[in-house]
Amino acid sequence: MKAQILGISLMIALFGISTTTFAQTQFDRTHPRRAEVNSRIARQDARIHHEVREGEISRTKAARLHREDHSVRREERRMAARDHGHLTRRDQARLNHRENRISRRIGR
């Protein structure tokens, strides 16, 4: 009896974990606000790599800028998780503000 209860509770726990893991749909990942923020992060990442290749910024500064960009990406994921895979306009504005500050420091 105890083994049955343990088995059933284990199945329920695994089912709960698997449904929350796969709950995010393709639309949630490509929501227009999320897509805009993520494409901007990708473009800035390419700009940082380009500036390093051209010798405009040091590898140390590039690493710092990459860390800040990754921080913005983590924040974007947290914000989206709070709102069922979407970003609010306010969230997008905050992320864009952070990206603007990072962007101004690329190539200086």
PDB file of N, CA and C in Angstrom:
ATOM      1  N   MET A   1       0.821  -1.188   0.000  1.00  0.00           N
ATOM      2  CA  MET A   1       0.000   0.000   0.000  1.00  0.00           C
ATOM      3  C   MET A   1       0.869   1.256   0.000  1.00  0.00           C
ATOM      4  N   LYS A   2       1.872   1.263   0.868  1.00  0.00           N
ATOM      5  CA  LYS A   2       2.759   2.424   0.916  1.00  0.00           C
ATOM      6  C   LYS A   2       3.508   2.597  -0.404  1.00  0.00           C
ATOM      7  N   ALA A   3       3.890   1.483  -1.002  1.00  0.00           N
ATOM      8  CA  ALA A   3       4.608   1.552  -2.278  1.00  0.00           C
ATOM      9  C   ALA A   3       3.713   2.123  -3.370  1.00  0.00           C
ATOM     10  N   GLN A   4       2.433   1.758  -3.360  1.00  0.00           N
ATOM     11  CA  GLN A   4       1.497   2.291  -4.343  1.00  0.00           C
ATOM     12  C   GLN A   4       1.325   3.798  -4.171  1.00  0.00           C
ATOM     13  N   ILE A   5       1.165   4.234  -2.944  1.00  0.00           N
ATOM     14  CA  ILE A   5       0.993   5.663  -2.676  1.00  0.00           C
ATOM     15  C   ILE A   5       2.244   6.428  -3.087  1.00  0.00           C
ATOM     16  N   LEU A   6       3.399   5.869  -2.758  1.00  0.00           N
ATOM     17  CA  LEU A   6       4.656   6.497  -3.145  1.00  0.00           C
ATOM     18  C   LEU A   6       4.786   6.557  -4.660  1.00  0.00           C
ATOM     19  N   GLY A   7       4.433   5.499  -5.353  1.00  0.00           N
ATOM     20  CA  GLY A   7       4.504   5.466  -6.808  1.00  0.00           C
ATOM     21  C   GLY A   7       3.563   6.474  -7.448  1.00  0.00           C
ATOM     22  N   ILE A   8       2.347   6.555  -6.927  1.00  0.00           N
ATOM     23  CA  ILE A   8       1.373   7.503  -7.468  1.00  0.00           C
ATOM     24  C   ILE A   8       1.832   8.933  -7.226  1.00  0.00           C
ATOM     25  N   SER A   9       2.323   9.227  -6.036  1.00  0.00           N
ATOM     26  CA  SER A   9       2.775  10.592  -5.752  1.00  0.00           C
ATOM     27  C   SER A   9       3.992  10.954  -6.608  1.00  0.00           C
ATOM     28  N   LEU A  10       4.845   9.986  -6.869  1.00  0.00           N
ATOM     29  CA  LEU A  10       6.000  10.229  -7.736  1.00  0.00           C
ATOM     30  C   LEU A  10       5.550  10.517  -9.169  1.00  0.00           C
ATOM     31  N   MET A  11       4.556   9.784  -9.661  1.00  0.00           N
ATOM     32  CA  MET A  11       4.035  10.023 -11.006  1.00  0.00           C
ATOM     33  C   MET A  11       3.393  11.403 -11.099  1.00  0.00           C
ATOM     34  N   ILE A  12       2.660  11.789 -10.084  1.00  0.00           N
ATOM     35  CA  ILE A  12       2.018  13.110 -10.075  1.00  0.00           C
ATOM     36  C   ILE A  12       3.075  14.204 -10.084  1.00  0.00           C
ATOM     37  N   ALA A  13       4.128  14.033  -9.298  1.00  0.00           N
ATOM     38  CA  ALA A  13       5.202  15.027  -9.247  1.00  0.00           C
ATOM     39  C   ALA A  13       5.896  15.135 -10.600  1.00  0.00           C
ATOM     40  N   LEU A  14       6.204  14.011 -11.221  1.00  0.00           N
ATOM     41  CA  LEU A  14       6.858  14.035 -12.528  1.00  0.00           C
ATOM     42  C   LEU A  14       5.957  14.640 -13.590  1.00  0.00           C
ATOM     43  N   PHE A  15       4.675  14.342 -13.536  1.00  0.00           N
ATOM     44  CA  PHE A  15       3.738  14.923 -14.494  1.00  0.00           C
ATOM     45  C   PHE A  15       3.666  16.437 -14.322  1.00  0.00           C
ATOM     46  N   GLY A  16       3.656  16.902 -13.084  1.00  0.00           N
ATOM     47  CA  GLY A  16       3.627  18.343 -12.823  1.00  0.00           C
ATOM     48  C   GLY A  16       4.865  19.045 -13.340  1.00  0.00           C
ATOM     49  N   ILE A  17       6.017  18.441 -13.174  1.00  0.00           N
ATOM     50  CA  ILE A  17       7.267  19.027 -13.657  1.00  0.00           C
ATOM     51  C   ILE A  17       7.286  19.055 -15.180  1.00  0.00           C
ATOM     52  N   SER A  18       6.862  17.962 -15.804  1.00  0.00           N
ATOM     53  CA  SER A  18       6.930  17.905 -17.262  1.00  0.00           C
ATOM     54  C   SER A  18       5.952  18.869 -17.917  1.00  0.00           C
ATOM     55  N   THR A  19       4.779  19.077 -17.352  1.00  0.00           N
ATOM     56  CA  THR A  19       3.825  19.992 -17.975  1.00  0.00           C
ATOM     57  C   THR A  19       4.269  21.430 -17.830  1.00  0.00           C
ATOM     58  N   THR A  20       4.897  21.797 -16.727  1.00  0.00           N
ATOM     59  CA  THR A  20       5.365  23.178 -16.603  1.00  0.00           C
ATOM     60  C   THR A  20       6.589  23.417 -17.466  1.00  0.00           C
ATOM     61  N   THR A  21       7.382  22.396 -17.688  1.00  0.00           N
ATOM     62  CA  THR A  21       8.565  22.549 -18.525  1.00  0.00           C
ATOM     63  C   THR A  21       8.173  22.799 -19.972  1.00  0.00           C
ATOM     64  N   PHE A  22       7.153  22.120 -20.453  1.00  0.00           N
ATOM     65  CA  PHE A  22       6.754  22.226 -21.850  1.00  0.00           C
ATOM     66  C   PHE A  22       5.589  23.184 -22.060  1.00  0.00           C
ATOM     67  N   ALA A  23       5.218  23.927 -21.029  1.00  0.00           N
ATOM     68  CA  ALA A  23       4.078  24.829 -21.137  1.00  0.00           C
ATOM     69  C   ALA A  23       4.362  26.013 -22.052  1.00  0.00           C
ATOM     70  N   GLN A  24       5.615  26.364 -22.217  1.00  0.00           N
ATOM     71  CA  GLN A  24       5.956  27.516 -23.050  1.00  0.00           C
ATOM     72  C   GLN A  24       5.839  27.121 -24.521  1.00  0.00           C
ATOM     73  N   THR A  25       4.957  27.792 -25.230  1.00  0.00           N
ATOM     74  CA  THR A  25       4.730  27.480 -26.638  1.00  0.00           C
ATOM     75  C   THR A  25       5.724  28.233 -27.505  1.00  0.00           C
ATOM     76  N   GLN A  26       5.713  27.900 -28.791  1.00  0.00           N
ATOM     77  CA  GLN A  26       6.581  28.601 -29.740  1.00  0.00           C
ATOM     78  C   GLN A  26       6.228  30.080 -29.778  1.00  0.00           C
ATOM     79  N   PHE A  27       4.923  30.399 -29.692  1.00  0.00           N
ATOM     80  CA  PHE A  27       4.505  31.802 -29.710  1.00  0.00           C
ATOM     81  C   PHE A  27       5.094  32.552 -28.518  1.00  0.00           C
ATOM     82  N   ASP A  28       5.092  31.915 -27.354  1.00  0.00           N
ATOM     83  CA  ASP A  28       5.643  32.575 -26.171  1.00  0.00           C
ATOM     84  C   ASP A  28       7.108  32.927 -26.376  1.00  0.00           C
ATOM     85  N   ARG A  29       7.868  32.020 -26.984  1.00  0.00           N
ATOM     86  CA  ARG A  29       9.290  32.276 -27.200  1.00  0.00           C
ATOM     87  C   ARG A  29       9.524  33.334 -28.265  1.00  0.00           C
ATOM     88  N   THR A  30       8.593  33.453 -29.215  1.00  0.00           N
ATOM     89  CA  THR A  30       8.778  34.407 -30.301  1.00  0.00           C
ATOM     90  C   THR A  30       7.789  35.561 -30.212  1.00  0.00           C
ATOM     91  N   HIS A  31       7.282  35.820 -29.028  1.00  0.00           N
ATOM     92  CA  HIS A  31       6.379  36.955 -28.829  1.00  0.00           C
ATOM     93  C   HIS A  31       7.078  38.209 -29.365  1.00  0.00           C
ATOM     94  N   PRO A  32       6.367  39.089 -30.060  1.00  0.00           N
ATOM     95  CA  PRO A  32       7.019  40.239 -30.704  1.00  0.00           C
ATOM     96  C   PRO A  32       7.916  41.070 -29.790  1.00  0.00           C
ATOM     97  N   ARG A  33       7.504  41.327 -28.580  1.00  0.00           N
ATOM     98  CA  ARG A  33       8.359  42.125 -27.684  1.00  0.00           C
ATOM     99  C   ARG A  33       9.605  41.353 -27.291  1.00  0.00           C
ATOM    100  N   ARG A  34       9.444  40.057 -27.024  1.00  0.00           N
ATOM    101  CA  ARG A  34      10.602  39.230 -26.679  1.00  0.00           C
ATOM    102  C   ARG A  34      11.543  39.113 -27.868  1.00  0.00           C
ATOM    103  N   ALA A  35      10.991  38.924 -29.043  1.00  0.00           N
ATOM    104  CA  ALA A  35      11.814  38.792 -30.248  1.00  0.00           C
ATOM    105  C   ALA A  35      12.618  40.065 -30.496  1.00  0.00           C
ATOM    106  N   GLU A  36      11.992  41.214 -30.278  1.00  0.00           N
ATOM    107  CA  GLU A  36      12.692  42.489 -30.490  1.00  0.00           C
ATOM    108  C   GLU A  36      13.849  42.637 -29.510  1.00  0.00           C
ATOM    109  N   VAL A  37      13.603  42.340 -28.253  1.00  0.00           N
ATOM    110  CA  VAL A  37      14.653  42.468 -27.237  1.00  0.00           C
ATOM    111  C   VAL A  37      15.784  41.482 -27.531  1.00  0.00           C
ATOM    112  N   ASN A  38      15.428  40.236 -27.839  1.00  0.00           N
ATOM    113  CA  ASN A  38      16.464  39.224 -28.086  1.00  0.00           C
ATOM    114  C   ASN A  38      17.255  39.486 -29.360  1.00  0.00           C
ATOM    115  N   SER A  39      16.600  40.002 -30.391  1.00  0.00           N
ATOM    116  CA  SER A  39      17.356  40.315 -31.612  1.00  0.00           C
ATOM    117  C   SER A  39      18.290  41.496 -31.370  1.00  0.00           C
ATOM    118  N   ARG A  40      17.867  42.428 -30.540  1.00  0.00           N
ATOM    119  CA  ARG A  40      18.738  43.552 -30.209  1.00  0.00           C
ATOM    120  C   ARG A  40      19.965  43.072 -29.438  1.00  0.00           C
ATOM    121  N   ILE A  41      19.760  42.165 -28.512  1.00  0.00           N
ATOM    122  CA  ILE A  41      20.890  41.600 -27.760  1.00  0.00           C
ATOM    123  C   ILE A  41      21.843  40.897 -28.722  1.00  0.00           C
ATOM    124  N   ALA A  42      21.304  40.154 -29.677  1.00  0.00           N
ATOM    125  CA  ALA A  42      22.148  39.448 -30.652  1.00  0.00           C
ATOM    126  C   ALA A  42      22.936  40.434 -31.516  1.00  0.00           C
ATOM    127  N   ARG A  43      22.298  41.531 -31.943  1.00  0.00           N
ATOM    128  CA  ARG A  43      23.012  42.530 -32.752  1.00  0.00           C
ATOM    129  C   ARG A  43      24.128  43.189 -31.947  1.00  0.00           C
ATOM    130  N   GLN A  44      23.852  43.483 -30.687  1.00  0.00           N
ATOM    131  CA  GLN A  44      24.896  44.098 -29.858  1.00  0.00           C
ATOM    132  C   GLN A  44      26.028  43.125 -29.612  1.00  0.00           C
ATOM    133  N   ASP A  45      25.709  41.853 -29.477  1.00  0.00           N
ATOM    134  CA  ASP A  45      26.743  40.834 -29.319  1.00  0.00           C
ATOM    135  C   ASP A  45      27.652  40.830 -30.543  1.00  0.00           C
ATOM    136  N   ALA A  46      27.053  40.901 -31.731  1.00  0.00           N
ATOM    137  CA  ALA A  46      27.846  40.944 -32.972  1.00  0.00           C
ATOM    138  C   ALA A  46      28.686  42.222 -33.037  1.00  0.00           C
ATOM    139  N   ARG A  47      28.121  43.338 -32.595  1.00  0.00           N
ATOM    140  CA  ARG A  47      28.885  44.599 -32.584  1.00  0.00           C
ATOM    141  C   ARG A  47      30.087  44.507 -31.669  1.00  0.00           C
ATOM    142  N   ILE A  48      29.905  43.887 -30.510  1.00  0.00           N
ATOM    143  CA  ILE A  48      31.018  43.743 -29.566  1.00  0.00           C
ATOM    144  C   ILE A  48      32.123  42.901 -30.205  1.00  0.00           C
ATOM    145  N   HIS A  49      31.749  41.771 -30.813  1.00  0.00           N
ATOM    146  CA  HIS A  49      32.742  40.918 -31.476  1.00  0.00           C
ATOM    147  C   HIS A  49      33.468  41.685 -32.578  1.00  0.00           C
ATOM    148  N   HIS A  50      32.728  42.473 -33.350  1.00  0.00           N
ATOM    149  CA  HIS A  50      33.326  43.256 -34.425  1.00  0.00           C
ATOM    150  C   HIS A  50      34.329  44.269 -33.873  1.00  0.00           C
ATOM    151  N   GLU A  51      33.963  44.949 -32.805  1.00  0.00           N
ATOM    152  CA  GLU A  51      34.857  45.956 -32.209  1.00  0.00           C
ATOM    153  C   GLU A  51      36.141  45.317 -31.680  1.00  0.00           C
ATOM    154  N   VAL A  52      36.026  44.110 -31.132  1.00  0.00           N
ATOM    155  CA  VAL A  52      37.227  43.411 -30.650  1.00  0.00           C
ATOM    156  C   VAL A  52      38.117  43.046 -31.831  1.00  0.00           C
ATOM    157  N   ARG A  53      37.532  42.518 -32.912  1.00  0.00           N
ATOM    158  CA  ARG A  53      38.316  42.159 -34.106  1.00  0.00           C
ATOM    159  C   ARG A  53      39.020  43.370 -34.698  1.00  0.00           C
ATOM    160  N   GLU A  54      38.344  44.515 -34.670  1.00  0.00           N
ATOM    161  CA  GLU A  54      38.922  45.739 -35.224  1.00  0.00           C
ATOM    162  C   GLU A  54      39.917  46.396 -34.267  1.00  0.00           C
ATOM    163  N   GLY A  55      39.979  45.910 -33.038  1.00  0.00           N
ATOM    164  CA  GLY A  55      40.893  46.478 -32.060  1.00  0.00           C
ATOM    165  C   GLY A  55      40.380  47.752 -31.403  1.00  0.00           C
ATOM    166  N   GLU A  56      39.092  48.015 -31.533  1.00  0.00           N
ATOM    167  CA  GLU A  56      38.506  49.226 -30.967  1.00  0.00           C
ATOM    168  C   GLU A  56      38.317  49.123 -29.456  1.00  0.00           C
ATOM    169  N   ILE A  57      38.024  47.911 -28.979  1.00  0.00           N
ATOM    170  CA  ILE A  57      37.863  47.717 -27.530  1.00  0.00           C
ATOM    171  C   ILE A  57      38.685  46.502 -27.116  1.00  0.00           C
ATOM    172  N   SER A  58      39.051  46.484 -25.864  1.00  0.00           N
ATOM    173  CA  SER A  58      39.859  45.379 -25.340  1.00  0.00           C
ATOM    174  C   SER A  58      38.971  44.164 -25.061  1.00  0.00           C
ATOM    175  N   ARG A  59      39.615  43.024 -24.939  1.00  0.00           N
ATOM    176  CA  ARG A  59      38.873  41.801 -24.608  1.00  0.00           C
ATOM    177  C   ARG A  59      38.244  41.903 -23.220  1.00  0.00           C
ATOM    178  N   THR A  60      38.893  42.597 -22.318  1.00  0.00           N
ATOM    179  CA  THR A  60      38.358  42.771 -20.975  1.00  0.00           C
ATOM    180  C   THR A  60      37.062  43.564 -21.013  1.00  0.00           C
ATOM    181  N   LYS A  61      37.081  44.660 -21.761  1.00  0.00           N
ATOM    182  CA  LYS A  61      35.876  45.472 -21.883  1.00  0.00           C
ATOM    183  C   LYS A  61      34.781  44.682 -22.607  1.00  0.00           C
ATOM    184  N   ALA A  62      35.166  43.916 -23.615  1.00  0.00           N
ATOM    185  CA  ALA A  62      34.192  43.096 -24.345  1.00  0.00           C
ATOM    186  C   ALA A  62      33.547  42.070 -23.411  1.00  0.00           C
ATOM    187  N   ALA A  63      34.353  41.450 -22.570  1.00  0.00           N
ATOM    188  CA  ALA A  63      33.817  40.466 -21.626  1.00  0.00           C
ATOM    189  C   ALA A  63      32.823  41.122 -20.672  1.00  0.00           C
ATOM    190  N   ARG A  64      33.136  42.322 -20.221  1.00  0.00           N
ATOM    191  CA  ARG A  64      32.234  43.058 -19.328  1.00  0.00           C
ATOM    192  C   ARG A  64      30.912  43.371 -20.036  1.00  0.00           C
ATOM    193  N   LEU A  65      31.011  43.816 -21.295  1.00  0.00           N
ATOM    194  CA  LEU A  65      29.798  44.128 -22.058  1.00  0.00           C
ATOM    195  C   LEU A  65      28.969  42.868 -22.321  1.00  0.00           C
ATOM    196  N   HIS A  66      29.637  41.758 -22.609  1.00  0.00           N
ATOM    197  CA  HIS A  66      28.927  40.494 -22.810  1.00  0.00           C
ATOM    198  C   HIS A  66      28.193  40.072 -21.534  1.00  0.00           C
ATOM    199  N   ARG A  67      28.857  40.231 -20.385  1.00  0.00           N
ATOM    200  CA  ARG A  67      28.217  39.883 -19.111  1.00  0.00           C
ATOM    201  C   ARG A  67      26.964  40.722 -18.892  1.00  0.00           C
ATOM    202  N   GLU A  68      27.054  42.010 -19.215  1.00  0.00           N
ATOM    203  CA  GLU A  68      25.894  42.881 -19.050  1.00  0.00           C
ATOM    204  C   GLU A  68      24.775  42.483 -20.004  1.00  0.00           C
ATOM    205  N   ASP A  69      25.116  42.124 -21.238  1.00  0.00           N
ATOM    206  CA  ASP A  69      24.107  41.667 -22.189  1.00  0.00           C
ATOM    207  C   ASP A  69      23.444  40.376 -21.706  1.00  0.00           C
ATOM    208  N   HIS A  70      24.243  39.462 -21.168  1.00  0.00           N
ATOM    209  CA  HIS A  70      23.682  38.219 -20.642  1.00  0.00           C
ATOM    210  C   HIS A  70      22.784  38.493 -19.447  1.00  0.00           C
ATOM    211  N   SER A  71      23.139  39.489 -18.672  1.00  0.00           N
ATOM    212  CA  SER A  71      22.298  39.883 -17.542  1.00  0.00           C
ATOM    213  C   SER A  71      20.938  40.387 -18.037  1.00  0.00           C
ATOM    214  N   VAL A  72      20.955  41.157 -19.123  1.00  0.00           N
ATOM    215  CA  VAL A  72      19.701  41.644 -19.707  1.00  0.00           C
ATOM    216  C   VAL A  72      18.880  40.460 -20.204  1.00  0.00           C
ATOM    217  N   ARG A  73      19.533  39.486 -20.832  1.00  0.00           N
ATOM    218  CA  ARG A  73      18.818  38.306 -21.330  1.00  0.00           C
ATOM    219  C   ARG A  73      18.190  37.517 -20.181  1.00  0.00           C
ATOM    220  N   ARG A  74      18.927  37.360 -19.084  1.00  0.00           N
ATOM    221  CA  ARG A  74      18.367  36.658 -17.915  1.00  0.00           C
ATOM    222  C   ARG A  74      17.174  37.414 -17.355  1.00  0.00           C
ATOM    223  N   GLU A  75      17.293  38.737 -17.302  1.00  0.00           N
ATOM    224  CA  GLU A  75      16.180  39.544 -16.803  1.00  0.00           C
ATOM    225  C   GLU A  75      14.970  39.418 -17.729  1.00  0.00           C
ATOM    226  N   GLU A  76      15.215  39.391 -19.024  1.00  0.00           N
ATOM    227  CA  GLU A  76      14.123  39.226 -19.996  1.00  0.00           C
ATOM    228  C   GLU A  76      13.405  37.905 -19.752  1.00  0.00           C
ATOM    229  N   ARG A  77      14.152  36.849 -19.515  1.00  0.00           N
ATOM    230  CA  ARG A  77      13.538  35.543 -19.257  1.00  0.00           C
ATOM    231  C   ARG A  77      12.729  35.551 -17.967  1.00  0.00           C
ATOM    232  N   ARG A  78      13.264  36.199 -16.937  1.00  0.00           N
ATOM    233  CA  ARG A  78      12.517  36.283 -15.669  1.00  0.00           C
ATOM    234  C   ARG A  78      11.224  37.066 -15.844  1.00  0.00           C
ATOM    235  N   MET A  79      11.315  38.204 -16.559  1.00  0.00           N
ATOM    236  CA  MET A  79      10.124  39.022 -16.790  1.00  0.00           C
ATOM    237  C   MET A  79       9.078  38.246 -17.587  1.00  0.00           C
ATOM    238  N   ALA A  80       9.521  37.521 -18.604  1.00  0.00           N
ATOM    239  CA  ALA A  80       8.592  36.755 -19.423  1.00  0.00           C
ATOM    240  C   ALA A  80       7.959  35.623 -18.617  1.00  0.00           C
ATOM    241  N   ALA A  81       8.733  34.999 -17.756  1.00  0.00           N
ATOM    242  CA  ALA A  81       8.193  33.918 -16.930  1.00  0.00           C
ATOM    243  C   ALA A  81       7.097  34.433 -15.998  1.00  0.00           C
ATOM    244  N   ARG A  82       7.260  35.657 -15.538  1.00  0.00           N
ATOM    245  CA  ARG A  82       6.248  36.260 -14.657  1.00  0.00           C
ATOM    246  C   ARG A  82       4.921  36.473 -15.372  1.00  0.00           C
ATOM    247  N   ASP A  83       4.991  36.762 -16.682  1.00  0.00           N
ATOM    248  CA  ASP A  83       3.783  37.103 -17.446  1.00  0.00           C
ATOM    249  C   ASP A  83       3.443  36.047 -18.484  1.00  0.00           C
ATOM    250  N   HIS A  84       3.637  34.778 -18.129  1.00  0.00           N
ATOM    251  CA  HIS A  84       3.234  33.656 -18.975  1.00  0.00           C
ATOM    252  C   HIS A  84       3.865  33.704 -20.370  1.00  0.00           C
ATOM    253  N   GLY A  85       5.138  34.034 -20.441  1.00  0.00           N
ATOM    254  CA  GLY A  85       5.865  33.998 -21.704  1.00  0.00           C
ATOM    255  C   GLY A  85       5.831  35.287 -22.493  1.00  0.00           C
ATOM    256  N   HIS A  86       5.252  36.331 -21.944  1.00  0.00           N
ATOM    257  CA  HIS A  86       5.151  37.602 -22.654  1.00  0.00           C
ATOM    258  C   HIS A  86       5.883  38.695 -21.893  1.00  0.00           C
ATOM    259  N   LEU A  87       6.241  39.745 -22.598  1.00  0.00           N
ATOM    260  CA  LEU A  87       6.794  40.941 -21.968  1.00  0.00           C
ATOM    261  C   LEU A  87       5.746  42.038 -22.036  1.00  0.00           C
ATOM    262  N   THR A  88       5.609  42.772 -20.957  1.00  0.00           N
ATOM    263  CA  THR A  88       4.723  43.926 -20.979  1.00  0.00           C
ATOM    264  C   THR A  88       5.462  45.080 -21.645  1.00  0.00           C
ATOM    265  N   ARG A  89       4.744  46.111 -21.984  1.00  0.00           N
ATOM    266  CA  ARG A  89       5.398  47.288 -22.575  1.00  0.00           C
ATOM    267  C   ARG A  89       6.388  47.898 -21.596  1.00  0.00           C
ATOM    268  N   ARG A  90       6.024  47.886 -20.338  1.00  0.00           N
ATOM    269  CA  ARG A  90       6.914  48.439 -19.315  1.00  0.00           C
ATOM    270  C   ARG A  90       8.202  47.619 -19.208  1.00  0.00           C
ATOM    271  N   ASP A  91       8.065  46.283 -19.238  1.00  0.00           N
ATOM    272  CA  ASP A  91       9.241  45.413 -19.204  1.00  0.00           C
ATOM    273  C   ASP A  91      10.140  45.694 -20.408  1.00  0.00           C
ATOM    274  N   GLN A  92       9.526  45.798 -21.585  1.00  0.00           N
ATOM    275  CA  GLN A  92      10.294  46.064 -22.797  1.00  0.00           C
ATOM    276  C   GLN A  92      11.017  47.403 -22.700  1.00  0.00           C
ATOM    277  N   ALA A  93      10.348  48.401 -22.159  1.00  0.00           N
ATOM    278  CA  ALA A  93      10.979  49.715 -22.018  1.00  0.00           C
ATOM    279  C   ALA A  93      12.182  49.648 -21.078  1.00  0.00           C
ATOM    280  N   ARG A  94      12.040  48.918 -19.980  1.00  0.00           N
ATOM    281  CA  ARG A  94      13.162  48.770 -19.043  1.00  0.00           C
ATOM    282  C   ARG A  94      14.343  48.065 -19.694  1.00  0.00           C
ATOM    283  N   LEU A  95      14.046  46.988 -20.419  1.00  0.00           N
ATOM    284  CA  LEU A  95      15.123  46.247 -21.077  1.00  0.00           C
ATOM    285  C   LEU A  95      15.781  47.098 -22.160  1.00  0.00           C
ATOM    286  N   ASN A  96      14.987  47.843 -22.916  1.00  0.00           N
ATOM    287  CA  ASN A  96      15.552  48.721 -23.939  1.00  0.00           C
ATOM    288  C   ASN A  96      16.422  49.810 -23.317  1.00  0.00           C
ATOM    289  N   HIS A  97      16.004  50.317 -22.178  1.00  0.00           N
ATOM    290  CA  HIS A  97      16.800  51.337 -21.492  1.00  0.00           C
ATOM    291  C   HIS A  97      18.170  50.769 -21.107  1.00  0.00           C
ATOM    292  N   ARG A  98      18.172  49.547 -20.559  1.00  0.00           N
ATOM    293  CA  ARG A  98      19.453  48.912 -20.205  1.00  0.00           C
ATOM    294  C   ARG A  98      20.296  48.666 -21.448  1.00  0.00           C
ATOM    295  N   GLU A  99      19.679  48.218 -22.525  1.00  0.00           N
ATOM    296  CA  GLU A  99      20.417  47.979 -23.764  1.00  0.00           C
ATOM    297  C   GLU A  99      20.959  49.284 -24.338  1.00  0.00           C
ATOM    298  N   ASN A 100      20.218  50.369 -24.215  1.00  0.00           N
ATOM    299  CA  ASN A 100      20.716  51.669 -24.689  1.00  0.00           C
ATOM    300  C   ASN A 100      21.996  52.057 -23.958  1.00  0.00           C
ATOM    301  N   ARG A 101      22.013  51.852 -22.643  1.00  0.00           N
ATOM    302  CA  ARG A 101      23.207  52.200 -21.864  1.00  0.00           C
ATOM    303  C   ARG A 101      24.399  51.347 -22.285  1.00  0.00           C
ATOM    304  N   ILE A 102      24.162  50.075 -22.528  1.00  0.00           N
ATOM    305  CA  ILE A 102      25.245  49.182 -22.963  1.00  0.00           C
ATOM    306  C   ILE A 102      25.702  49.582 -24.361  1.00  0.00           C
ATOM    307  N   SER A 103      24.769  49.881 -25.241  1.00  0.00           N
ATOM    308  CA  SER A 103      25.075  50.226 -26.624  1.00  0.00           C
ATOM    309  C   SER A 103      25.972  51.464 -26.719  1.00  0.00           C
ATOM    310  N   ARG A 104      25.708  52.434 -25.876  1.00  0.00           N
ATOM    311  CA  ARG A 104      26.511  53.665 -25.916  1.00  0.00           C
ATOM    312  C   ARG A 104      27.962  53.405 -25.535  1.00  0.00           C
ATOM    313  N   ARG A 105      28.205  52.337 -24.774  1.00  0.00           N
ATOM    314  CA  ARG A 105      29.573  52.041 -24.326  1.00  0.00           C
ATOM    315  C   ARG A 105      30.341  51.173 -25.317  1.00  0.00           C
ATOM    316  N   ILE A 106      29.657  50.617 -26.305  1.00  0.00           N
ATOM    317  CA  ILE A 106      30.341  49.787 -27.315  1.00  0.00           C
ATOM    318  C   ILE A 106      31.089  50.723 -28.252  1.00  0.00           C
ATOM    319  N   GLY A 107      32.353  50.473 -28.433  1.00  0.00           N
ATOM    320  CA  GLY A 107      33.161  51.262 -29.365  1.00  0.00           C
ATOM    321  C   GLY A 107      33.667  52.578 -28.797  1.00  0.00           C
ATOM    322  N   ARG A 108      33.540  52.797 -27.516  1.00  0.00           N
ATOM    323  CA  ARG A 108      34.070  54.023 -26.922  1.00  0.00           C
ATOM    324  C   ARG A 108      35.463  53.798 -26.403  1.00  0.00           C
TER     325      ARG A 108
END
